[in-house]
Every structure is written in structure tokens, then in C-alpha cells.
Amino acid sequence: MGKNKKNQTKKSVRPGKDVVASKAESLNKKLHKIIDQGITELTLDFVNVKSVDPVGLSVIAATHNTMNNAGAKLLLKNVPDEINTLFDALGLNKHFEIEQMNQKQNA
């Protein structure tokens, strides 16, 4: 846990390949530890994320709500098209600030 970031009020996290039930508890703890540091902006970088399940969605939603209640912001960045389509279908794009991937990954 380095303090090499110049702006300590912003933090970026890459959740891993899957944001799913088996990873939810670990991700939730990690995100809340970061939130407890008093950051004002948290970016979840989905660059390597391949799948999200309902439990993973609940972790993201809970993180958004916690940050929103604290006057902070959650940004979802590099969201693959398939996952963005899911967010859109569920209406989550109205609640989350989402930035889609600039390049499509078909791997």
C-alpha cells in the first residue's frame, strides 16, 4: 500500500477478471477500506473484467451508495460493451458514472 499517488483524495481499483459472488467479500472489504481513507473519488477500472454477476452488482451498488451518502463519487471506467449493455438494461447507467472502453476487446 504505497502512498505514491499525488492526490490522496482519488483512488483507482482494478477489481480483477470477475466481479462475482466468489470474489464479492474480498472486493467489498477492499473497497470499504479505501472508502474509509476519506477519498472523494473512487474509480473502478474494468479493463480486465470479463463478467459481473448479481452479487458483484450488489457490491458495486453498495459502494456507490456509501460514497454517494458521503458526498463522494464512484466512476466505472473501461467498461466492456457486454457489461455496459447489462448496466444499461438494468438502468444502472442512470445511477453510475460509466465510461466505456475506447477499444473493443474480443478475446
PDB file of N, CA and C in Angstrom:
ATOM      1  N   MET A   1       0.833  -1.193   0.000  1.00  0.00           N
ATOM      2  CA  MET A   1       0.000   0.000   0.000  1.00  0.00           C
ATOM      3  C   MET A   1       0.862   1.235   0.000  1.00  0.00           C
ATOM      4  N   GLY A   2       1.275   1.611  -1.187  1.00  0.00           N
ATOM      5  CA  GLY A   2       2.126   2.771  -1.304  1.00  0.00           C
ATOM      6  C   GLY A   2       1.351   4.064  -1.296  1.00  0.00           C
ATOM      7  N   LYS A   3       2.047   5.103  -0.927  1.00  0.00           N
ATOM      8  CA  LYS A   3       1.440   6.430  -0.939  1.00  0.00           C
ATOM      9  C   LYS A   3       2.062   7.242  -2.054  1.00  0.00           C
ATOM     10  N   ASN A   4       2.170   6.616  -3.230  1.00  0.00           N
ATOM     11  CA  ASN A   4       2.814   7.276  -4.349  1.00  0.00           C
ATOM     12  C   ASN A   4       1.864   8.138  -5.168  1.00  0.00           C
ATOM     13  N   LYS A   5       0.598   8.134  -4.858  1.00  0.00           N
ATOM     14  CA  LYS A   5      -0.354   8.990  -5.569  1.00  0.00           C
ATOM     15  C   LYS A   5      -0.226  10.415  -5.040  1.00  0.00           C
ATOM     16  N   LYS A   6      -0.192  11.354  -5.974  1.00  0.00           N
ATOM     17  CA  LYS A   6      -0.076  12.757  -5.553  1.00  0.00           C
ATOM     18  C   LYS A   6      -1.365  13.240  -4.907  1.00  0.00           C
ATOM     19  N   ASN A   7      -2.495  12.836  -5.480  1.00  0.00           N
ATOM     20  CA  ASN A   7      -3.775  13.280  -4.957  1.00  0.00           C
ATOM     21  C   ASN A   7      -4.393  12.143  -4.156  1.00  0.00           C
ATOM     22  N   GLN A   8      -4.316  12.225  -2.856  1.00  0.00           N
ATOM     23  CA  GLN A   8      -4.774  11.164  -1.972  1.00  0.00           C
ATOM     24  C   GLN A   8      -6.302  11.083  -1.898  1.00  0.00           C
ATOM     25  N   THR A   9      -7.022  12.038  -2.494  1.00  0.00           N
ATOM     26  CA  THR A   9      -8.478  12.004  -2.430  1.00  0.00           C
ATOM     27  C   THR A   9      -9.077  11.191  -3.565  1.00  0.00           C
ATOM     28  N   LYS A  10      -8.247  10.735  -4.492  1.00  0.00           N
ATOM     29  CA  LYS A  10      -8.717   9.902  -5.601  1.00  0.00           C
ATOM     30  C   LYS A  10      -7.973   8.580  -5.583  1.00  0.00           C
ATOM     31  N   LYS A  11      -8.704   7.525  -5.901  1.00  0.00           N
ATOM     32  CA  LYS A  11      -8.105   6.196  -5.911  1.00  0.00           C
ATOM     33  C   LYS A  11      -8.726   5.389  -7.043  1.00  0.00           C
ATOM     34  N   SER A  12      -7.918   4.537  -7.671  1.00  0.00           N
ATOM     35  CA  SER A  12      -8.390   3.661  -8.730  1.00  0.00           C
ATOM     36  C   SER A  12      -8.130   2.215  -8.338  1.00  0.00           C
ATOM     37  N   VAL A  13      -9.111   1.340  -8.605  1.00  0.00           N
ATOM     38  CA  VAL A  13      -9.013  -0.078  -8.275  1.00  0.00           C
ATOM     39  C   VAL A  13      -9.399  -0.889  -9.502  1.00  0.00           C
ATOM     40  N   ARG A  14      -8.607  -1.923  -9.769  1.00  0.00           N
ATOM     41  CA  ARG A  14      -8.961  -2.892 -10.802  1.00  0.00           C
ATOM     42  C   ARG A  14      -9.492  -4.132 -10.090  1.00  0.00           C
ATOM     43  N   PRO A  15     -10.789  -4.403 -10.219  1.00  0.00           N
ATOM     44  CA  PRO A  15     -11.384  -5.493  -9.453  1.00  0.00           C
ATOM     45  C   PRO A  15     -10.907  -6.894  -9.828  1.00  0.00           C
ATOM     46  N   GLY A  16     -10.311  -7.078 -10.973  1.00  0.00           N
ATOM     47  CA  GLY A  16      -9.887  -8.410 -11.391  1.00  0.00           C
ATOM     48  C   GLY A  16     -10.696  -8.882 -12.578  1.00  0.00           C
ATOM     49  N   LYS A  17     -10.595 -10.165 -12.888  1.00  0.00           N
ATOM     50  CA  LYS A  17     -11.245 -10.710 -14.075  1.00  0.00           C
ATOM     51  C   LYS A  17     -12.758 -10.831 -13.908  1.00  0.00           C
ATOM     52  N   ASP A  18     -13.199 -11.244 -12.728  1.00  0.00           N
ATOM     53  CA  ASP A  18     -14.620 -11.477 -12.485  1.00  0.00           C
ATOM     54  C   ASP A  18     -15.083 -10.731 -11.243  1.00  0.00           C
ATOM     55  N   VAL A  19     -16.195 -10.027 -11.375  1.00  0.00           N
ATOM     56  CA  VAL A  19     -16.831  -9.382 -10.230  1.00  0.00           C
ATOM     57  C   VAL A  19     -18.053 -10.247  -9.930  1.00  0.00           C
ATOM     58  N   VAL A  20     -17.793 -11.323  -9.186  1.00  0.00           N
ATOM     59  CA  VAL A  20     -18.806 -12.355  -8.961  1.00  0.00           C
ATOM     60  C   VAL A  20     -18.851 -12.745  -7.487  1.00  0.00           C
ATOM     61  N   ALA A  21     -19.830 -13.580  -7.148  1.00  0.00           N
ATOM     62  CA  ALA A  21     -20.075 -13.959  -5.750  1.00  0.00           C
ATOM     63  C   ALA A  21     -18.829 -14.461  -5.035  1.00  0.00           C
ATOM     64  N   SER A  22     -18.040 -15.290  -5.701  1.00  0.00           N
ATOM     65  CA  SER A  22     -16.864 -15.868  -5.041  1.00  0.00           C
ATOM     66  C   SER A  22     -15.795 -14.825  -4.713  1.00  0.00           C
ATOM     67  N   LYS A  23     -15.845 -13.683  -5.361  1.00  0.00           N
ATOM     68  CA  LYS A  23     -14.869 -12.613  -5.129  1.00  0.00           C
ATOM     69  C   LYS A  23     -15.474 -11.422  -4.378  1.00  0.00           C
ATOM     70  N   ALA A  24     -16.778 -11.463  -4.151  1.00  0.00           N
ATOM     71  CA  ALA A  24     -17.502 -10.299  -3.631  1.00  0.00           C
ATOM     72  C   ALA A  24     -17.035  -9.853  -2.250  1.00  0.00           C
ATOM     73  N   GLU A  25     -16.873 -10.785  -1.327  1.00  0.00           N
ATOM     74  CA  GLU A  25     -16.495 -10.404   0.037  1.00  0.00           C
ATOM     75  C   GLU A  25     -15.135  -9.712   0.052  1.00  0.00           C
ATOM     76  N   SER A  26     -14.190 -10.280  -0.668  1.00  0.00           N
ATOM     77  CA  SER A  26     -12.847  -9.707  -0.741  1.00  0.00           C
ATOM     78  C   SER A  26     -12.872  -8.315  -1.371  1.00  0.00           C
ATOM     79  N   LEU A  27     -13.598  -8.182  -2.479  1.00  0.00           N
ATOM     80  CA  LEU A  27     -13.698  -6.885  -3.149  1.00  0.00           C
ATOM     81  C   LEU A  27     -14.388  -5.868  -2.256  1.00  0.00           C
ATOM     82  N   ASN A  28     -15.462  -6.266  -1.612  1.00  0.00           N
ATOM     83  CA  ASN A  28     -16.198  -5.369  -0.728  1.00  0.00           C
ATOM     84  C   ASN A  28     -15.310  -4.842   0.392  1.00  0.00           C
ATOM     85  N   LYS A  29     -14.541  -5.734   1.018  1.00  0.00           N
ATOM     86  CA  LYS A  29     -13.630  -5.320   2.095  1.00  0.00           C
ATOM     87  C   LYS A  29     -12.580  -4.341   1.569  1.00  0.00           C
ATOM     88  N   LYS A  30     -12.032  -4.643   0.411  1.00  0.00           N
ATOM     89  CA  LYS A  30     -11.014  -3.777  -0.186  1.00  0.00           C
ATOM     90  C   LYS A  30     -11.579  -2.392  -0.464  1.00  0.00           C
ATOM     91  N   LEU A  31     -12.776  -2.339  -1.049  1.00  0.00           N
ATOM     92  CA  LEU A  31     -13.380  -1.045  -1.386  1.00  0.00           C
ATOM     93  C   LEU A  31     -13.714  -0.243  -0.133  1.00  0.00           C
ATOM     94  N   HIS A  32     -14.243  -0.897   0.892  1.00  0.00           N
ATOM     95  CA  HIS A  32     -14.590  -0.169   2.119  1.00  0.00           C
ATOM     96  C   HIS A  32     -13.343   0.315   2.862  1.00  0.00           C
ATOM     97  N   LYS A  33     -12.272  -0.436   2.786  1.00  0.00           N
ATOM     98  CA  LYS A  33     -11.018   0.018   3.392  1.00  0.00           C
ATOM     99  C   LYS A  33     -10.546   1.305   2.708  1.00  0.00           C
ATOM    100  N   ILE A  34     -10.689   1.352   1.393  1.00  0.00           N
ATOM    101  CA  ILE A  34     -10.312   2.549   0.634  1.00  0.00           C
ATOM    102  C   ILE A  34     -11.248   3.712   0.964  1.00  0.00           C
ATOM    103  N   ILE A  35     -12.544   3.439   0.998  1.00  0.00           N
ATOM    104  CA  ILE A  35     -13.526   4.486   1.309  1.00  0.00           C
ATOM    105  C   ILE A  35     -13.264   5.072   2.690  1.00  0.00           C
ATOM    106  N   ASP A  36     -12.897   4.207   3.631  1.00  0.00           N
ATOM    107  CA  ASP A  36     -12.624   4.660   4.999  1.00  0.00           C
ATOM    108  C   ASP A  36     -11.430   5.604   5.089  1.00  0.00           C
ATOM    109  N   GLN A  37     -10.621   5.663   4.033  1.00  0.00           N
ATOM    110  CA  GLN A  37      -9.487   6.584   3.998  1.00  0.00           C
ATOM    111  C   GLN A  37      -9.925   8.018   3.689  1.00  0.00           C
ATOM    112  N   GLY A  38     -11.226   8.195   3.412  1.00  0.00           N
ATOM    113  CA  GLY A  38     -11.752   9.535   3.181  1.00  0.00           C
ATOM    114  C   GLY A  38     -11.590  10.038   1.762  1.00  0.00           C
ATOM    115  N   ILE A  39     -11.487   9.139   0.809  1.00  0.00           N
ATOM    116  CA  ILE A  39     -11.341   9.588  -0.579  1.00  0.00           C
ATOM    117  C   ILE A  39     -12.628  10.233  -1.073  1.00  0.00           C
ATOM    118  N   THR A  40     -12.498  11.091  -2.062  1.00  0.00           N
ATOM    119  CA  THR A  40     -13.663  11.767  -2.627  1.00  0.00           C
ATOM    120  C   THR A  40     -14.060  11.201  -3.983  1.00  0.00           C
ATOM    121  N   GLU A  41     -13.158  10.437  -4.594  1.00  0.00           N
ATOM    122  CA  GLU A  41     -13.469   9.831  -5.887  1.00  0.00           C
ATOM    123  C   GLU A  41     -12.794   8.466  -5.997  1.00  0.00           C
ATOM    124  N   LEU A  42     -13.609   7.456  -6.297  1.00  0.00           N
ATOM    125  CA  LEU A  42     -13.108   6.102  -6.481  1.00  0.00           C
ATOM    126  C   LEU A  42     -13.440   5.656  -7.895  1.00  0.00           C
ATOM    127  N   THR A  43     -12.427   5.191  -8.610  1.00  0.00           N
ATOM    128  CA  THR A  43     -12.619   4.666  -9.955  1.00  0.00           C
ATOM    129  C   THR A  43     -12.444   3.160  -9.925  1.00  0.00           C
ATOM    130  N   LEU A  44     -13.445   2.447 -10.412  1.00  0.00           N
ATOM    131  CA  LEU A  44     -13.317   1.010 -10.624  1.00  0.00           C
ATOM    132  C   LEU A  44     -12.958   0.833 -12.092  1.00  0.00           C
ATOM    133  N   ASP A  45     -11.748   0.376 -12.342  1.00  0.00           N
ATOM    134  CA  ASP A  45     -11.252   0.203 -13.702  1.00  0.00           C
ATOM    135  C   ASP A  45     -11.546  -1.220 -14.154  1.00  0.00           C
ATOM    136  N   PHE A  46     -12.478  -1.365 -15.071  1.00  0.00           N
ATOM    137  CA  PHE A  46     -12.943  -2.655 -15.551  1.00  0.00           C
ATOM    138  C   PHE A  46     -12.113  -3.200 -16.708  1.00  0.00           C
ATOM    139  N   VAL A  47     -10.905  -2.696 -16.904  1.00  0.00           N
ATOM    140  CA  VAL A  47     -10.107  -3.055 -18.068  1.00  0.00           C
ATOM    141  C   VAL A  47      -9.918  -4.561 -18.229  1.00  0.00           C
ATOM    142  N   ASN A  48      -9.826  -5.315 -17.154  1.00  0.00           N
ATOM    143  CA  ASN A  48      -9.627  -6.764 -17.234  1.00  0.00           C
ATOM    144  C   ASN A  48     -10.871  -7.573 -16.869  1.00  0.00           C
ATOM    145  N   VAL A  49     -11.975  -6.897 -16.557  1.00  0.00           N
ATOM    146  CA  VAL A  49     -13.181  -7.584 -16.102  1.00  0.00           C
ATOM    147  C   VAL A  49     -13.877  -8.253 -17.286  1.00  0.00           C
ATOM    148  N   LYS A  50     -14.189  -9.524 -17.103  1.00  0.00           N
ATOM    149  CA  LYS A  50     -14.871 -10.299 -18.144  1.00  0.00           C
ATOM    150  C   LYS A  50     -16.323 -10.603 -17.790  1.00  0.00           C
ATOM    151  N   SER A  51     -16.633 -10.671 -16.486  1.00  0.00           N
ATOM    152  CA  SER A  51     -18.011 -10.983 -16.100  1.00  0.00           C
ATOM    153  C   SER A  51     -18.381 -10.332 -14.771  1.00  0.00           C
ATOM    154  N   VAL A  52     -19.680 -10.058 -14.651  1.00  0.00           N
ATOM    155  CA  VAL A  52     -20.255  -9.493 -13.433  1.00  0.00           C
ATOM    156  C   VAL A  52     -21.549 -10.264 -13.171  1.00  0.00           C
ATOM    157  N   ASP A  53     -21.733 -10.714 -11.935  1.00  0.00           N
ATOM    158  CA  ASP A  53     -22.977 -11.406 -11.595  1.00  0.00           C
ATOM    159  C   ASP A  53     -23.792 -10.535 -10.630  1.00  0.00           C
ATOM    160  N   PRO A  54     -24.996 -10.980 -10.258  1.00  0.00           N
ATOM    161  CA  PRO A  54     -25.834 -10.159  -9.365  1.00  0.00           C
ATOM    162  C   PRO A  54     -25.161  -9.793  -8.041  1.00  0.00           C
ATOM    163  N   VAL A  55     -24.384 -10.688  -7.471  1.00  0.00           N
ATOM    164  CA  VAL A  55     -23.697 -10.377  -6.217  1.00  0.00           C
ATOM    165  C   VAL A  55     -22.639  -9.303  -6.456  1.00  0.00           C
ATOM    166  N   GLY A  56     -21.925  -9.410  -7.567  1.00  0.00           N
ATOM    167  CA  GLY A  56     -20.951  -8.385  -7.928  1.00  0.00           C
ATOM    168  C   GLY A  56     -21.616  -7.032  -8.149  1.00  0.00           C
ATOM    169  N   LEU A  57     -22.769  -7.056  -8.806  1.00  0.00           N
ATOM    170  CA  LEU A  57     -23.536  -5.817  -8.997  1.00  0.00           C
ATOM    171  C   LEU A  57     -23.934  -5.202  -7.667  1.00  0.00           C
ATOM    172  N   SER A  58     -24.296  -6.045  -6.705  1.00  0.00           N
ATOM    173  CA  SER A  58     -24.700  -5.515  -5.392  1.00  0.00           C
ATOM    174  C   SER A  58     -23.525  -4.863  -4.670  1.00  0.00           C
ATOM    175  N   VAL A  59     -22.319  -5.408  -4.844  1.00  0.00           N
ATOM    176  CA  VAL A  59     -21.128  -4.793  -4.244  1.00  0.00           C
ATOM    177  C   VAL A  59     -20.892  -3.419  -4.867  1.00  0.00           C
ATOM    178  N   ILE A  60     -21.017  -3.335  -6.183  1.00  0.00           N
ATOM    179  CA  ILE A  60     -20.820  -2.056  -6.879  1.00  0.00           C
ATOM    180  C   ILE A  60     -21.888  -1.055  -6.434  1.00  0.00           C
ATOM    181  N   ALA A  61     -23.149  -1.502  -6.379  1.00  0.00           N
ATOM    182  CA  ALA A  61     -24.243  -0.609  -5.969  1.00  0.00           C
ATOM    183  C   ALA A  61     -24.067  -0.137  -4.527  1.00  0.00           C
ATOM    184  N   ALA A  62     -23.675  -1.043  -3.646  1.00  0.00           N
ATOM    185  CA  ALA A  62     -23.469  -0.669  -2.244  1.00  0.00           C
ATOM    186  C   ALA A  62     -22.323   0.328  -2.109  1.00  0.00           C
ATOM    187  N   THR A  63     -21.267   0.114  -2.891  1.00  0.00           N
ATOM    188  CA  THR A  63     -20.131   1.048  -2.876  1.00  0.00           C
ATOM    189  C   THR A  63     -20.576   2.421  -3.365  1.00  0.00           C
ATOM    190  N   HIS A  64     -21.350   2.429  -4.448  1.00  0.00           N
ATOM    191  CA  HIS A  64     -21.883   3.692  -4.982  1.00  0.00           C
ATOM    192  C   HIS A  64     -22.714   4.408  -3.911  1.00  0.00           C
ATOM    193  N   ASN A  65     -23.611   3.671  -3.254  1.00  0.00           N
ATOM    194  CA  ASN A  65     -24.480   4.278  -2.238  1.00  0.00           C
ATOM    195  C   ASN A  65     -23.683   4.818  -1.062  1.00  0.00           C
ATOM    196  N   THR A  66     -22.707   4.066  -0.605  1.00  0.00           N
ATOM    197  CA  THR A  66     -21.862   4.514   0.502  1.00  0.00           C
ATOM    198  C   THR A  66     -21.130   5.798   0.135  1.00  0.00           C
ATOM    199  N   MET A  67     -20.568   5.812  -1.055  1.00  0.00           N
ATOM    200  CA  MET A  67     -19.821   7.005  -1.480  1.00  0.00           C
ATOM    201  C   MET A  67     -20.752   8.187  -1.699  1.00  0.00           C
ATOM    202  N   ASN A  68     -21.882   7.935  -2.321  1.00  0.00           N
ATOM    203  CA  ASN A  68     -22.851   8.994  -2.578  1.00  0.00           C
ATOM    204  C   ASN A  68     -23.324   9.623  -1.275  1.00  0.00           C
ATOM    205  N   ASN A  69     -23.605   8.792  -0.280  1.00  0.00           N
ATOM    206  CA  ASN A  69     -24.045   9.293   1.032  1.00  0.00           C
ATOM    207  C   ASN A  69     -22.964  10.116   1.726  1.00  0.00           C
ATOM    208  N   ALA A  70     -21.705   9.849   1.379  1.00  0.00           N
ATOM    209  CA  ALA A  70     -20.587  10.595   1.970  1.00  0.00           C
ATOM    210  C   ALA A  70     -20.201  11.805   1.116  1.00  0.00           C
ATOM    211  N   GLY A  71     -20.965  12.052   0.055  1.00  0.00           N
ATOM    212  CA  GLY A  71     -20.659  13.171  -0.825  1.00  0.00           C
ATOM    213  C   GLY A  71     -19.489  12.890  -1.751  1.00  0.00           C
ATOM    214  N   ALA A  72     -19.180  11.616  -1.953  1.00  0.00           N
ATOM    215  CA  ALA A  72     -18.075  11.214  -2.821  1.00  0.00           C
ATOM    216  C   ALA A  72     -18.637  10.613  -4.109  1.00  0.00           C
ATOM    217  N   LYS A  73     -17.741  10.303  -5.031  1.00  0.00           N
ATOM    218  CA  LYS A  73     -18.169   9.854  -6.356  1.00  0.00           C
ATOM    219  C   LYS A  73     -17.516   8.528  -6.730  1.00  0.00           C
ATOM    220  N   LEU A  74     -18.312   7.654  -7.358  1.00  0.00           N
ATOM    221  CA  LEU A  74     -17.816   6.395  -7.910  1.00  0.00           C
ATOM    222  C   LEU A  74     -17.889   6.482  -9.428  1.00  0.00           C
ATOM    223  N   LEU A  75     -16.781   6.165 -10.080  1.00  0.00           N
ATOM    224  CA  LEU A  75     -16.705   6.147 -11.541  1.00  0.00           C
ATOM    225  C   LEU A  75     -16.344   4.740 -11.984  1.00  0.00           C
ATOM    226  N   LEU A  76     -17.072   4.214 -12.961  1.00  0.00           N
ATOM    227  CA  LEU A  76     -16.740   2.930 -13.562  1.00  0.00           C
ATOM    228  C   LEU A  76     -16.091   3.228 -14.904  1.00  0.00           C
ATOM    229  N   LYS A  77     -14.860   2.760 -15.080  1.00  0.00           N
ATOM    230  CA  LYS A  77     -14.046   3.116 -16.241  1.00  0.00           C
ATOM    231  C   LYS A  77     -13.684   1.868 -17.033  1.00  0.00           C
ATOM    232  N   ASN A  78     -13.527   2.027 -18.339  1.00  0.00           N
ATOM    233  CA  ASN A  78     -13.140   0.932 -19.234  1.00  0.00           C
ATOM    234  C   ASN A  78     -14.112  -0.239 -19.165  1.00  0.00           C
ATOM    235  N   VAL A  79     -15.388   0.077 -19.106  1.00  0.00           N
ATOM    236  CA  VAL A  79     -16.408  -0.959 -19.020  1.00  0.00           C
ATOM    237  C   VAL A  79     -16.599  -1.590 -20.401  1.00  0.00           C
ATOM    238  N   PRO A  80     -16.400  -2.922 -20.509  1.00  0.00           N
ATOM    239  CA  PRO A  80     -16.602  -3.586 -21.802  1.00  0.00           C
ATOM    240  C   PRO A  80     -18.054  -3.454 -22.277  1.00  0.00           C
ATOM    241  N   ASP A  81     -18.236  -3.493 -23.583  1.00  0.00           N
ATOM    242  CA  ASP A  81     -19.568  -3.325 -24.168  1.00  0.00           C
ATOM    243  C   ASP A  81     -20.603  -4.267 -23.572  1.00  0.00           C
ATOM    244  N   GLU A  82     -20.233  -5.539 -23.387  1.00  0.00           N
ATOM    245  CA  GLU A  82     -21.182  -6.526 -22.879  1.00  0.00           C
ATOM    246  C   GLU A  82     -21.662  -6.176 -21.475  1.00  0.00           C
ATOM    247  N   ILE A  83     -20.744  -5.716 -20.643  1.00  0.00           N
ATOM    248  CA  ILE A  83     -21.107  -5.354 -19.268  1.00  0.00           C
ATOM    249  C   ILE A  83     -21.866  -4.037 -19.262  1.00  0.00           C
ATOM    250  N   ASN A  84     -21.497  -3.112 -20.128  1.00  0.00           N
ATOM    251  CA  ASN A  84     -22.226  -1.853 -20.226  1.00  0.00           C
ATOM    252  C   ASN A  84     -23.672  -2.095 -20.671  1.00  0.00           C
ATOM    253  N   THR A  85     -23.868  -3.064 -21.568  1.00  0.00           N
ATOM    254  CA  THR A  85     -25.214  -3.426 -22.008  1.00  0.00           C
ATOM    255  C   THR A  85     -26.037  -3.929 -20.828  1.00  0.00           C
ATOM    256  N   LEU A  86     -25.419  -4.710 -19.947  1.00  0.00           N
ATOM    257  CA  LEU A  86     -26.091  -5.186 -18.732  1.00  0.00           C
ATOM    258  C   LEU A  86     -26.469  -4.014 -17.837  1.00  0.00           C
ATOM    259  N   PHE A  87     -25.520  -3.111 -17.592  1.00  0.00           N
ATOM    260  CA  PHE A  87     -25.803  -1.927 -16.772  1.00  0.00           C
ATOM    261  C   PHE A  87     -26.952  -1.123 -17.365  1.00  0.00           C
ATOM    262  N   ASP A  88     -26.937  -0.970 -18.683  1.00  0.00           N
ATOM    263  CA  ASP A  88     -27.978  -0.216 -19.378  1.00  0.00           C
ATOM    264  C   ASP A  88     -29.338  -0.903 -19.227  1.00  0.00           C
ATOM    265  N   ALA A  89     -29.367  -2.226 -19.432  1.00  0.00           N
ATOM    266  CA  ALA A  89     -30.624  -2.979 -19.332  1.00  0.00           C
ATOM    267  C   ALA A  89     -31.226  -2.900 -17.931  1.00  0.00           C
ATOM    268  N   LEU A  90     -30.368  -2.840 -16.923  1.00  0.00           N
ATOM    269  CA  LEU A  90     -30.838  -2.759 -15.531  1.00  0.00           C
ATOM    270  C   LEU A  90     -31.088  -1.329 -15.071  1.00  0.00           C
ATOM    271  N   GLY A  91     -30.794  -0.370 -15.933  1.00  0.00           N
ATOM    272  CA  GLY A  91     -30.989   1.038 -15.576  1.00  0.00           C
ATOM    273  C   GLY A  91     -29.911   1.596 -14.673  1.00  0.00           C
ATOM    274  N   LEU A  92     -28.814   0.850 -14.499  1.00  0.00           N
ATOM    275  CA  LEU A  92     -27.743   1.299 -13.613  1.00  0.00           C
ATOM    276  C   LEU A  92     -26.945   2.457 -14.201  1.00  0.00           C
ATOM    277  N   ASN A  93     -26.994   2.593 -15.521  1.00  0.00           N
ATOM    278  CA  ASN A  93     -26.285   3.708 -16.149  1.00  0.00           C
ATOM    279  C   ASN A  93     -26.870   5.058 -15.733  1.00  0.00           C
ATOM    280  N   LYS A  94     -28.062   5.048 -15.166  1.00  0.00           N
ATOM    281  CA  LYS A  94     -28.674   6.287 -14.669  1.00  0.00           C
ATOM    282  C   LYS A  94     -28.155   6.646 -13.282  1.00  0.00           C
ATOM    283  N   HIS A  95     -27.528   5.683 -12.613  1.00  0.00           N
ATOM    284  CA  HIS A  95     -27.043   5.887 -11.252  1.00  0.00           C
ATOM    285  C   HIS A  95     -25.524   5.948 -11.168  1.00  0.00           C
ATOM    286  N   PHE A  96     -24.858   5.196 -12.043  1.00  0.00           N
ATOM    287  CA  PHE A  96     -23.400   5.150 -12.040  1.00  0.00           C
ATOM    288  C   PHE A  96     -22.854   6.028 -13.145  1.00  0.00           C
ATOM    289  N   GLU A  97     -21.702   6.612 -12.889  1.00  0.00           N
ATOM    290  CA  GLU A  97     -20.979   7.308 -13.953  1.00  0.00           C
ATOM    291  C   GLU A  97     -20.119   6.243 -14.631  1.00  0.00           C
ATOM    292  N   ILE A  98     -20.430   5.969 -15.913  1.00  0.00           N
ATOM    293  CA  ILE A  98     -19.793   4.866 -16.631  1.00  0.00           C
ATOM    294  C   ILE A  98     -19.060   5.388 -17.857  1.00  0.00           C
ATOM    295  N   GLU A  99     -17.823   4.924 -17.977  1.00  0.00           N
ATOM    296  CA  GLU A  99     -17.009   5.245 -19.150  1.00  0.00           C
ATOM    297  C   GLU A  99     -16.685   3.925 -19.847  1.00  0.00           C
ATOM    298  N   GLN A 100     -17.196   3.765 -21.077  1.00  0.00           N
ATOM    299  CA  GLN A 100     -16.948   2.535 -21.813  1.00  0.00           C
ATOM    300  C   GLN A 100     -15.506   2.466 -22.295  1.00  0.00           C
ATOM    301  N   MET A 101     -15.106   1.255 -22.680  1.00  0.00           N
ATOM    302  CA  MET A 101     -13.769   1.055 -23.231  1.00  0.00           C
ATOM    303  C   MET A 101     -13.627   1.824 -24.535  1.00  0.00           C
ATOM    304  N   ASN A 102     -12.443   2.352 -24.774  1.00  0.00           N
ATOM    305  CA  ASN A 102     -12.172   3.036 -26.036  1.00  0.00           C
ATOM    306  C   ASN A 102     -11.947   2.030 -27.158  1.00  0.00           C
ATOM    307  N   GLN A 103     -11.409   0.886 -26.821  1.00  0.00           N
ATOM    308  CA  GLN A 103     -11.132  -0.155 -27.801  1.00  0.00           C
ATOM    309  C   GLN A 103     -11.902  -1.398 -27.405  1.00  0.00           C
ATOM    310  N   LYS A 104     -12.504  -2.044 -28.377  1.00  0.00           N
ATOM    311  CA  LYS A 104     -13.220  -3.288 -28.102  1.00  0.00           C
ATOM    312  C   LYS A 104     -12.230  -4.406 -27.912  1.00  0.00           C
ATOM    313  N   GLN A 105     -12.523  -5.249 -26.934  1.00  0.00           N
ATOM    314  CA  GLN A 105     -11.684  -6.418 -26.695  1.00  0.00           C
ATOM    315  C   GLN A 105     -12.533  -7.643 -27.007  1.00  0.00           C
ATOM    316  N   ASN A 106     -12.121  -8.386 -27.993  1.00  0.00           N
ATOM    317  CA  ASN A 106     -12.878  -9.544 -28.423  1.00  0.00           C
ATOM    318  C   ASN A 106     -12.244 -10.847 -27.974  1.00  0.00           C
ATOM    319  N   ALA A 107     -11.316 -10.794 -27.060  1.00  0.00           N
ATOM    320  CA  ALA A 107     -10.613 -12.004 -26.627  1.00  0.00           C
ATOM    321  C   ALA A 107     -11.494 -12.871 -25.766  1.00  0.00           C
TER     322      ALA A 107
END
